[in-house]
Amino acid sequence: MLFQFAIYESKLSYPTLCKIRNDFDNDDEKASLFMETLNDDPIMLDALRQDITRYNKTEPGKVEWHESIVLLECPSPAQCEDVTNKLNDIDRDFSIEQKFSPHSALILLSAPVLRTMMLHAIVIYFAPLPHDCIQCLCQILSSSKTIRKLCIIYYSIGDKGVISLSQAIVQNCNSTLSRLDLSHNPLITSACAEALCELILATDRIWGIDLRVTMMSSESVLLLLQALSANKSVRRLMLDVKHKKTFTETYTEYHPMMERLVFAEYYSYDYL
């Protein structure tokens, strides 16, 4: 009952679901297992919702091929298989952009060809990525010597995913990643601040990071700023405009680091 209520009430947030769970019978083993899964990675709730929606959808999604990029929107598993087969014939810098369907994202990201081809960029948005998808991304990042841009935006990743990705990037000494966009992900909180700081301190390739529209606290932002001041390789860090006060109260508005910061509004078009 709790599972069906959570899945089909699309406006029900994870914190609200936790409150409702407390009113249920604590001896309900299935409900407890379900909540344990969500507690481990809250993004699973949106991932399950989207996969069920895609499963009930009969018409195929969209797949558009261009010279240097393939665009996928709500692709079916069969369409993803077809895309991965065609990627085997690509011998130039190429990018992949996907919208919706976590299950299809898993089929795509687990394809061996993504670890060997000249992949330039991966862009994923409105596709909540469960941990198995994140692990596939980590494997790609750990082996790739060509990826320069990674965008996982708009309700697609949470703290657990950010921690795993940050570690994978740090561990790849041959990483070519220069742009990391994690904006518009409200499930990113202060819990992953330490991993992001370690990433900022360790990288000598990434020049731009976008963390707008997340739920990171002012204290976490201060930790990021301390890491930024220690590593001048990162030339642009984008944060919510609400954090500008935190910066000016700590460093003053005329601090040299201000040139490397962008405090942007929610709908700002100033991208990396």
C-alpha atoms as a PDB file:
ATOM      1  CA  MET A   1       0.000   0.000   0.000  1.00  0.00           C
ATOM      2  CA  LEU A   2       2.766   2.454   0.910  1.00  0.00           C
ATOM      3  CA  PHE A   3       4.651   1.567  -2.298  1.00  0.00           C
ATOM      4  CA  GLN A   4       1.656   2.225  -4.541  1.00  0.00           C
ATOM      5  CA  PHE A   5       0.836   5.443  -2.725  1.00  0.00           C
ATOM      6  CA  ALA A   6       4.419   6.685  -3.044  1.00  0.00           C
ATOM      7  CA  ILE A   7       4.749   5.766  -6.721  1.00  0.00           C
ATOM      8  CA  TYR A   8       1.476   7.115  -8.032  1.00  0.00           C
ATOM      9  CA  GLU A   9       1.284  10.281  -5.931  1.00  0.00           C
ATOM     10  CA  SER A  10       3.909  12.079  -8.026  1.00  0.00           C
ATOM     11  CA  LYS A  11       3.802  15.286  -5.969  1.00  0.00           C
ATOM     12  CA  LEU A  12       4.572  13.426  -2.752  1.00  0.00           C
ATOM     13  CA  SER A  13       8.106  14.336  -1.664  1.00  0.00           C
ATOM     14  CA  TYR A  14      10.506  12.031   0.141  1.00  0.00           C
ATOM     15  CA  PRO A  15      10.393  13.974   3.470  1.00  0.00           C
ATOM     16  CA  THR A  16       6.571  13.867   3.414  1.00  0.00           C
ATOM     17  CA  LEU A  17       6.659  10.142   2.695  1.00  0.00           C
ATOM     18  CA  CYS A  18       8.883   9.637   5.747  1.00  0.00           C
ATOM     19  CA  LYS A  19       6.305  11.377   7.934  1.00  0.00           C
ATOM     20  CA  ILE A  20       3.515   9.237   6.497  1.00  0.00           C
ATOM     21  CA  ARG A  21       5.562   6.093   7.091  1.00  0.00           C
ATOM     22  CA  ASN A  22       5.727   6.889  10.795  1.00  0.00           C
ATOM     23  CA  ASP A  23       1.945   6.626  10.915  1.00  0.00           C
ATOM     24  CA  PHE A  24       1.960   3.145   9.382  1.00  0.00           C
ATOM     25  CA  ASP A  25       2.251  -0.154  11.202  1.00  0.00           C
ATOM     26  CA  ASN A  26       5.918  -0.544  12.108  1.00  0.00           C
ATOM     27  CA  ASP A  27       5.585  -4.319  11.646  1.00  0.00           C
ATOM     28  CA  ASP A  28       4.957  -3.915   7.906  1.00  0.00           C
ATOM     29  CA  GLU A  29       8.123  -5.593   6.582  1.00  0.00           C
ATOM     30  CA  LYS A  30       7.614  -4.586   2.942  1.00  0.00           C
ATOM     31  CA  ALA A  31       7.075  -0.946   3.850  1.00  0.00           C
ATOM     32  CA  SER A  32      10.191  -1.031   6.025  1.00  0.00           C
ATOM     33  CA  LEU A  33      12.321  -2.492   3.223  1.00  0.00           C
ATOM     34  CA  PHE A  34      10.965   0.077   0.793  1.00  0.00           C
ATOM     35  CA  MET A  35      11.808   2.944   3.141  1.00  0.00           C
ATOM     36  CA  GLU A  36      15.286   1.512   3.824  1.00  0.00           C
ATOM     37  CA  THR A  37      15.940   1.624   0.074  1.00  0.00           C
ATOM     38  CA  LEU A  38      14.829   5.251  -0.104  1.00  0.00           C
ATOM     39  CA  ASN A  39      16.806   6.186   2.998  1.00  0.00           C
ATOM     40  CA  ASP A  40      19.941   4.813   1.344  1.00  0.00           C
ATOM     41  CA  ASP A  41      19.337   6.876  -1.816  1.00  0.00           C
ATOM     42  CA  PRO A  42      16.213   9.122  -1.902  1.00  0.00           C
ATOM     43  CA  ILE A  43      16.485   9.586  -5.679  1.00  0.00           C
ATOM     44  CA  MET A  44      15.196   6.013  -6.055  1.00  0.00           C
ATOM     45  CA  LEU A  45      11.663   7.333  -5.486  1.00  0.00           C
ATOM     46  CA  ASP A  46      11.704   9.489  -8.630  1.00  0.00           C
ATOM     47  CA  ALA A  47      13.578   6.784 -10.545  1.00  0.00           C
ATOM     48  CA  LEU A  48      10.861   4.222  -9.803  1.00  0.00           C
ATOM     49  CA  ARG A  49       8.142   6.687 -10.775  1.00  0.00           C
ATOM     50  CA  GLN A  50       9.734   7.451 -14.115  1.00  0.00           C
ATOM     51  CA  ASP A  51      10.444   3.814 -14.964  1.00  0.00           C
ATOM     52  CA  ILE A  52       6.843   2.837 -14.269  1.00  0.00           C
ATOM     53  CA  THR A  53       5.622   5.732 -16.401  1.00  0.00           C
ATOM     54  CA  ARG A  54       7.907   4.608 -19.240  1.00  0.00           C
ATOM     55  CA  TYR A  55       6.790   0.989 -18.847  1.00  0.00           C
ATOM     56  CA  ASN A  56       3.143   2.011 -19.271  1.00  0.00           C
ATOM     57  CA  LYS A  57       3.961   4.095 -22.326  1.00  0.00           C
ATOM     58  CA  THR A  58       3.332   2.307 -25.621  1.00  0.00           C
ATOM     59  CA  GLU A  59       4.738   4.768 -28.151  1.00  0.00           C
ATOM     60  CA  PRO A  60       8.508   4.847 -28.764  1.00  0.00           C
ATOM     61  CA  GLY A  61      10.676   7.699 -27.563  1.00  0.00           C
ATOM     62  CA  LYS A  62      12.681  10.079 -29.710  1.00  0.00           C
ATOM     63  CA  VAL A  63      16.163   9.428 -31.024  1.00  0.00           C
ATOM     64  CA  GLU A  64      17.850  12.110 -33.115  1.00  0.00           C
ATOM     65  CA  TRP A  65      21.250  11.629 -34.723  1.00  0.00           C
ATOM     66  CA  HIS A  66      23.404  14.611 -35.622  1.00  0.00           C
ATOM     67  CA  GLU A  67      26.968  15.009 -36.799  1.00  0.00           C
ATOM     68  CA  SER A  68      28.546  14.944 -33.357  1.00  0.00           C
ATOM     69  CA  ILE A  69      25.725  14.097 -30.937  1.00  0.00           C
ATOM     70  CA  VAL A  70      22.823  11.714 -30.410  1.00  0.00           C
ATOM     71  CA  LEU A  71      19.769  13.046 -28.543  1.00  0.00           C
ATOM     72  CA  LEU A  72      17.459  10.644 -26.724  1.00  0.00           C
ATOM     73  CA  GLU A  73      14.130  11.497 -25.116  1.00  0.00           C
ATOM     74  CA  CYS A  74      12.244   8.782 -23.219  1.00  0.00           C
ATOM     75  CA  PRO A  75      13.858   6.026 -25.321  1.00  0.00           C
ATOM     76  CA  SER A  76      12.643   2.444 -25.064  1.00  0.00           C
ATOM     77  CA  PRO A  77      15.113  -0.330 -24.164  1.00  0.00           C
ATOM     78  CA  ALA A  78      15.090  -1.462 -27.811  1.00  0.00           C
ATOM     79  CA  GLN A  79      15.952   2.052 -28.983  1.00  0.00           C
ATOM     80  CA  CYS A  80      18.854   2.204 -26.507  1.00  0.00           C
ATOM     81  CA  GLU A  81      20.180  -1.121 -27.767  1.00  0.00           C
ATOM     82  CA  ASP A  82      20.018   0.212 -31.324  1.00  0.00           C
ATOM     83  CA  VAL A  83      21.894   3.374 -30.307  1.00  0.00           C
ATOM     84  CA  THR A  84      24.686   1.440 -28.598  1.00  0.00           C
ATOM     85  CA  ASN A  85      25.093  -0.761 -31.684  1.00  0.00           C
ATOM     86  CA  LYS A  86      25.445   2.288 -33.920  1.00  0.00           C
ATOM     87  CA  LEU A  87      27.917   3.923 -31.533  1.00  0.00           C
ATOM     88  CA  ASN A  88      30.338   1.121 -32.344  1.00  0.00           C
ATOM     89  CA  ASP A  89      30.762   2.689 -35.792  1.00  0.00           C
ATOM     90  CA  ILE A  90      31.546   6.181 -34.473  1.00  0.00           C
ATOM     91  CA  ASP A  91      35.237   7.079 -34.861  1.00  0.00           C
ATOM     92  CA  ARG A  92      35.184  10.785 -33.968  1.00  0.00           C
ATOM     93  CA  ASP A  93      34.503  13.034 -30.952  1.00  0.00           C
ATOM     94  CA  PHE A  94      30.900  12.384 -29.999  1.00  0.00           C
ATOM     95  CA  SER A  95      28.376  13.394 -27.321  1.00  0.00           C
ATOM     96  CA  ILE A  96      25.318  11.751 -25.781  1.00  0.00           C
ATOM     97  CA  GLU A  97      22.323  13.601 -24.370  1.00  0.00           C
ATOM     98  CA  GLN A  98      19.450  11.804 -22.662  1.00  0.00           C
ATOM     99  CA  LYS A  99      16.206  12.960 -21.084  1.00  0.00           C
ATOM    100  CA  PHE A 100      14.028  10.744 -18.839  1.00  0.00           C
ATOM    101  CA  SER A 101      13.905   6.967 -18.240  1.00  0.00           C
ATOM    102  CA  PRO A 102      16.462   5.722 -15.669  1.00  0.00           C
ATOM    103  CA  HIS A 103      16.170   2.133 -16.957  1.00  0.00           C
ATOM    104  CA  SER A 104      17.078   3.203 -20.474  1.00  0.00           C
ATOM    105  CA  ALA A 105      19.949   5.235 -19.051  1.00  0.00           C
ATOM    106  CA  LEU A 106      21.282   2.053 -17.445  1.00  0.00           C
ATOM    107  CA  ILE A 107      21.174   0.175 -20.773  1.00  0.00           C
ATOM    108  CA  LEU A 108      23.017   3.014 -22.442  1.00  0.00           C
ATOM    109  CA  LEU A 109      25.617   3.689 -19.736  1.00  0.00           C
ATOM    110  CA  SER A 110      26.454   0.006 -19.268  1.00  0.00           C
ATOM    111  CA  ALA A 111      27.352  -0.434 -22.943  1.00  0.00           C
ATOM    112  CA  PRO A 112      31.058  -1.346 -23.301  1.00  0.00           C
ATOM    113  CA  VAL A 113      31.425   0.963 -26.300  1.00  0.00           C
ATOM    114  CA  LEU A 114      31.113   4.020 -24.022  1.00  0.00           C
ATOM    115  CA  ARG A 115      34.367   3.032 -22.330  1.00  0.00           C
ATOM    116  CA  THR A 116      36.351   2.852 -25.546  1.00  0.00           C
ATOM    117  CA  MET A 117      34.885   5.402 -27.976  1.00  0.00           C
ATOM    118  CA  MET A 118      35.977   9.033 -28.263  1.00  0.00           C
ATOM    119  CA  LEU A 119      33.200  10.309 -26.032  1.00  0.00           C
ATOM    120  CA  HIS A 120      33.322  14.092 -25.654  1.00  0.00           C
ATOM    121  CA  ALA A 121      30.308  14.812 -23.425  1.00  0.00           C
ATOM    122  CA  ILE A 122      27.505  13.134 -21.487  1.00  0.00           C
ATOM    123  CA  VAL A 123      24.408  15.205 -20.697  1.00  0.00           C
ATOM    124  CA  ILE A 124      21.589  13.695 -18.623  1.00  0.00           C
ATOM    125  CA  TYR A 125      18.587  15.652 -17.373  1.00  0.00           C
ATOM    126  CA  PHE A 126      15.207  14.855 -15.815  1.00  0.00           C
ATOM    127  CA  ALA A 127      16.433  11.257 -15.408  1.00  0.00           C
ATOM    128  CA  PRO A 128      16.844  10.305 -11.717  1.00  0.00           C
ATOM    129  CA  LEU A 129      19.863   8.001 -11.718  1.00  0.00           C
ATOM    130  CA  PRO A 130      19.828   5.118  -9.204  1.00  0.00           C
ATOM    131  CA  HIS A 131      23.131   3.780  -7.920  1.00  0.00           C
ATOM    132  CA  ASP A 132      23.629   1.179 -10.656  1.00  0.00           C
ATOM    133  CA  CYS A 133      23.516   3.958 -13.267  1.00  0.00           C
ATOM    134  CA  ILE A 134      25.962   6.021 -11.213  1.00  0.00           C
ATOM    135  CA  GLN A 135      28.326   3.044 -10.973  1.00  0.00           C
ATOM    136  CA  CYS A 136      28.291   2.724 -14.772  1.00  0.00           C
ATOM    137  CA  LEU A 137      29.097   6.425 -15.069  1.00  0.00           C
ATOM    138  CA  CYS A 138      31.953   6.005 -12.598  1.00  0.00           C
ATOM    139  CA  GLN A 139      33.397   3.199 -14.695  1.00  0.00           C
ATOM    140  CA  ILE A 140      33.230   5.399 -17.792  1.00  0.00           C
ATOM    141  CA  LEU A 141      34.891   8.301 -15.976  1.00  0.00           C
ATOM    142  CA  SER A 142      37.562   6.027 -14.502  1.00  0.00           C
ATOM    143  CA  SER A 143      38.642   4.771 -17.924  1.00  0.00           C
ATOM    144  CA  SER A 144      37.899   7.647 -20.286  1.00  0.00           C
ATOM    145  CA  LYS A 145      40.687   9.802 -21.685  1.00  0.00           C
ATOM    146  CA  THR A 146      38.382  11.919 -23.849  1.00  0.00           C
ATOM    147  CA  ILE A 147      35.361  13.113 -21.820  1.00  0.00           C
ATOM    148  CA  ARG A 148      35.530  16.865 -21.291  1.00  0.00           C
ATOM    149  CA  LYS A 149      31.986  17.666 -20.195  1.00  0.00           C
ATOM    150  CA  LEU A 150      29.636  15.921 -17.748  1.00  0.00           C
ATOM    151  CA  CYS A 151      26.194  17.384 -17.059  1.00  0.00           C
ATOM    152  CA  ILE A 152      23.786  15.601 -14.714  1.00  0.00           C
ATOM    153  CA  ILE A 153      21.111  18.183 -14.156  1.00  0.00           C
ATOM    154  CA  TYR A 154      17.464  18.749 -13.253  1.00  0.00           C
ATOM    155  CA  TYR A 155      16.496  16.214 -10.561  1.00  0.00           C
ATOM    156  CA  SER A 156      18.900  13.537 -11.793  1.00  0.00           C
ATOM    157  CA  ILE A 157      21.369  12.956  -8.944  1.00  0.00           C
ATOM    158  CA  GLY A 158      21.622  13.094  -5.163  1.00  0.00           C
ATOM    159  CA  ASP A 159      24.328  13.016  -2.484  1.00  0.00           C
ATOM    160  CA  LYS A 160      25.260   9.354  -2.883  1.00  0.00           C
ATOM    161  CA  GLY A 161      25.725   9.781  -6.621  1.00  0.00           C
ATOM    162  CA  VAL A 162      27.800  12.941  -6.250  1.00  0.00           C
ATOM    163  CA  ILE A 163      30.117  11.273  -3.739  1.00  0.00           C
ATOM    164  CA  SER A 164      30.697   8.298  -6.050  1.00  0.00           C
ATOM    165  CA  LEU A 165      31.282  10.465  -9.128  1.00  0.00           C
ATOM    166  CA  SER A 166      33.684  12.769  -7.270  1.00  0.00           C
ATOM    167  CA  GLN A 167      35.739   9.814  -6.101  1.00  0.00           C
ATOM    168  CA  ALA A 168      35.852   8.317  -9.607  1.00  0.00           C
ATOM    169  CA  ILE A 169      37.077  11.592 -11.111  1.00  0.00           C
ATOM    170  CA  VAL A 170      39.754  12.034  -8.447  1.00  0.00           C
ATOM    171  CA  GLN A 171      41.012   8.477  -8.894  1.00  0.00           C
ATOM    172  CA  ASN A 172      41.422   8.817 -12.674  1.00  0.00           C
ATOM    173  CA  CYS A 173      44.866  10.390 -13.082  1.00  0.00           C
ATOM    174  CA  ASN A 174      44.265  10.634 -16.839  1.00  0.00           C
ATOM    175  CA  SER A 175      40.917  12.411 -16.511  1.00  0.00           C
ATOM    176  CA  THR A 176      40.268  15.026 -19.218  1.00  0.00           C
ATOM    177  CA  LEU A 177      37.068  16.331 -17.627  1.00  0.00           C
ATOM    178  CA  SER A 178      36.994  20.124 -17.701  1.00  0.00           C
ATOM    179  CA  ARG A 179      33.325  20.968 -17.026  1.00  0.00           C
ATOM    180  CA  LEU A 180      31.063  19.473 -14.353  1.00  0.00           C
ATOM    181  CA  ASP A 181      27.445  20.633 -14.149  1.00  0.00           C
ATOM    182  CA  LEU A 182      25.348  19.312 -11.235  1.00  0.00           C
ATOM    183  CA  SER A 183      22.884  22.196 -11.121  1.00  0.00           C
ATOM    184  CA  HIS A 184      19.143  22.027 -10.420  1.00  0.00           C
ATOM    185  CA  ASN A 185      19.409  18.935  -8.213  1.00  0.00           C
ATOM    186  CA  PRO A 186      17.601  19.633  -4.921  1.00  0.00           C
ATOM    187  CA  LEU A 187      18.624  16.222  -3.552  1.00  0.00           C
ATOM    188  CA  ILE A 188      22.228  17.458  -3.430  1.00  0.00           C
ATOM    189  CA  THR A 189      22.784  18.564   0.162  1.00  0.00           C
ATOM    190  CA  SER A 190      25.633  19.258   2.554  1.00  0.00           C
ATOM    191  CA  ALA A 191      26.171  15.507   2.901  1.00  0.00           C
ATOM    192  CA  CYS A 192      28.336  15.479  -0.232  1.00  0.00           C
ATOM    193  CA  ALA A 193      30.245  18.715   0.495  1.00  0.00           C
ATOM    194  CA  GLU A 194      33.362  16.882   1.711  1.00  0.00           C
ATOM    195  CA  ALA A 195      33.575  14.826  -1.503  1.00  0.00           C
ATOM    196  CA  LEU A 196      33.181  17.960  -3.628  1.00  0.00           C
ATOM    197  CA  CYS A 197      35.910  19.712  -1.640  1.00  0.00           C
ATOM    198  CA  GLU A 198      38.263  16.787  -2.216  1.00  0.00           C
ATOM    199  CA  LEU A 199      37.463  16.958  -5.920  1.00  0.00           C
ATOM    200  CA  ILE A 200      38.182  20.692  -6.091  1.00  0.00           C
ATOM    201  CA  LEU A 201      41.448  20.258  -4.201  1.00  0.00           C
ATOM    202  CA  ALA A 202      42.614  17.309  -6.313  1.00  0.00           C
ATOM    203  CA  THR A 203      41.748  18.401  -9.842  1.00  0.00           C
ATOM    204  CA  ASP A 204      44.108  20.160 -12.210  1.00  0.00           C
ATOM    205  CA  ARG A 205      41.830  19.808 -15.241  1.00  0.00           C
ATOM    206  CA  ILE A 206      38.324  20.894 -14.205  1.00  0.00           C
ATOM    207  CA  TRP A 207      37.950  24.618 -14.771  1.00  0.00           C
ATOM    208  CA  GLY A 208      34.178  24.966 -14.217  1.00  0.00           C
ATOM    209  CA  ILE A 209      31.704  23.508 -11.687  1.00  0.00           C
ATOM    210  CA  ASP A 210      28.008  24.435 -11.490  1.00  0.00           C
ATOM    211  CA  LEU A 211      26.194  23.807  -8.188  1.00  0.00           C
ATOM    212  CA  ARG A 212      23.224  26.144  -8.571  1.00  0.00           C
ATOM    213  CA  VAL A 213      19.785  25.165  -7.244  1.00  0.00           C
ATOM    214  CA  THR A 214      20.932  22.579  -4.733  1.00  0.00           C
ATOM    215  CA  MET A 215      20.242  22.334  -1.017  1.00  0.00           C
ATOM    216  CA  MET A 216      23.770  22.920   0.214  1.00  0.00           C
ATOM    217  CA  SER A 217      24.039  24.974   3.386  1.00  0.00           C
ATOM    218  CA  SER A 218      26.065  28.158   3.862  1.00  0.00           C
ATOM    219  CA  GLU A 219      28.513  26.194   6.024  1.00  0.00           C
ATOM    220  CA  SER A 220      29.089  23.730   3.185  1.00  0.00           C
ATOM    221  CA  VAL A 221      29.577  26.551   0.701  1.00  0.00           C
ATOM    222  CA  LEU A 222      32.287  27.997   2.958  1.00  0.00           C
ATOM    223  CA  LEU A 223      34.096  24.655   2.811  1.00  0.00           C
ATOM    224  CA  LEU A 224      33.889  24.741  -0.992  1.00  0.00           C
ATOM    225  CA  LEU A 225      35.276  28.280  -1.019  1.00  0.00           C
ATOM    226  CA  GLN A 226      38.208  27.230   1.171  1.00  0.00           C
ATOM    227  CA  ALA A 227      38.991  24.434  -1.289  1.00  0.00           C
ATOM    228  CA  LEU A 228      38.631  26.859  -4.191  1.00  0.00           C
ATOM    229  CA  SER A 229      41.081  29.299  -2.628  1.00  0.00           C
ATOM    230  CA  ALA A 230      43.639  26.486  -2.382  1.00  0.00           C
ATOM    231  CA  ASN A 231      43.336  25.374  -6.016  1.00  0.00           C
ATOM    232  CA  LYS A 232      43.380  28.019  -8.708  1.00  0.00           C
ATOM    233  CA  SER A 233      42.863  25.466 -11.500  1.00  0.00           C
ATOM    234  CA  VAL A 234      39.093  25.774 -10.986  1.00  0.00           C
ATOM    235  CA  ARG A 235      38.369  29.094 -12.649  1.00  0.00           C
ATOM    236  CA  ARG A 236      34.603  29.182 -12.269  1.00  0.00           C
ATOM    237  CA  LEU A 237      32.309  27.953  -9.510  1.00  0.00           C
ATOM    238  CA  MET A 238      28.612  28.713  -9.929  1.00  0.00           C
ATOM    239  CA  LEU A 239      26.446  28.964  -6.810  1.00  0.00           C
ATOM    240  CA  ASP A 240      23.004  30.230  -5.868  1.00  0.00           C
ATOM    241  CA  VAL A 241      22.772  33.981  -5.420  1.00  0.00           C
ATOM    242  CA  LYS A 242      21.679  33.428  -1.794  1.00  0.00           C
ATOM    243  CA  HIS A 243      25.257  32.341  -0.992  1.00  0.00           C
ATOM    244  CA  LYS A 244      26.768  35.638  -2.079  1.00  0.00           C
ATOM    245  CA  LYS A 245      26.129  37.073   1.375  1.00  0.00           C
ATOM    246  CA  THR A 246      28.044  34.160   2.906  1.00  0.00           C
ATOM    247  CA  PHE A 247      31.014  34.988   0.696  1.00  0.00           C
ATOM    248  CA  THR A 248      31.059  38.753   1.261  1.00  0.00           C
ATOM    249  CA  GLU A 249      30.696  38.363   5.026  1.00  0.00           C
ATOM    250  CA  THR A 250      33.676  36.014   5.086  1.00  0.00           C
ATOM    251  CA  TYR A 251      36.002  37.319   2.375  1.00  0.00           C
ATOM    252  CA  THR A 252      34.671  40.822   1.475  1.00  0.00           C
ATOM    253  CA  GLU A 253      33.198  41.641  -1.919  1.00  0.00           C
ATOM    254  CA  TYR A 254      36.546  42.682  -3.381  1.00  0.00           C
ATOM    255  CA  HIS A 255      38.428  39.497  -2.631  1.00  0.00           C
ATOM    256  CA  PRO A 256      40.364  38.222  -5.726  1.00  0.00           C
ATOM    257  CA  MET A 257      38.452  34.932  -5.597  1.00  0.00           C
ATOM    258  CA  MET A 258      35.283  36.839  -6.515  1.00  0.00           C
ATOM    259  CA  GLU A 259      36.467  36.808 -10.127  1.00  0.00           C
ATOM    260  CA  ARG A 260      36.123  33.031 -10.162  1.00  0.00           C
ATOM    261  CA  LEU A 261      32.639  32.915  -8.653  1.00  0.00           C
ATOM    262  CA  VAL A 262      29.233  33.322 -10.261  1.00  0.00           C
ATOM    263  CA  PHE A 263      26.251  33.813  -7.961  1.00  0.00           C
ATOM    264  CA  ALA A 264      23.316  33.210 -10.266  1.00  0.00           C
ATOM    265  CA  GLU A 265      19.551  33.345 -10.007  1.00  0.00           C
ATOM    266  CA  TYR A 266      17.413  30.224 -10.488  1.00  0.00           C
ATOM    267  CA  TYR A 267      16.606  30.942 -14.113  1.00  0.00           C
ATOM    268  CA  SER A 268      19.950  32.449 -15.026  1.00  0.00           C
ATOM    269  CA  TYR A 269      21.227  31.673 -18.529  1.00  0.00           C
ATOM    270  CA  ASP A 270      24.857  32.145 -17.532  1.00  0.00           C
ATOM    271  CA  TYR A 271      26.169  28.622 -18.021  1.00  0.00           C
ATOM    272  CA  LEU A 272      29.571  26.986 -17.909  1.00  0.00           C
END
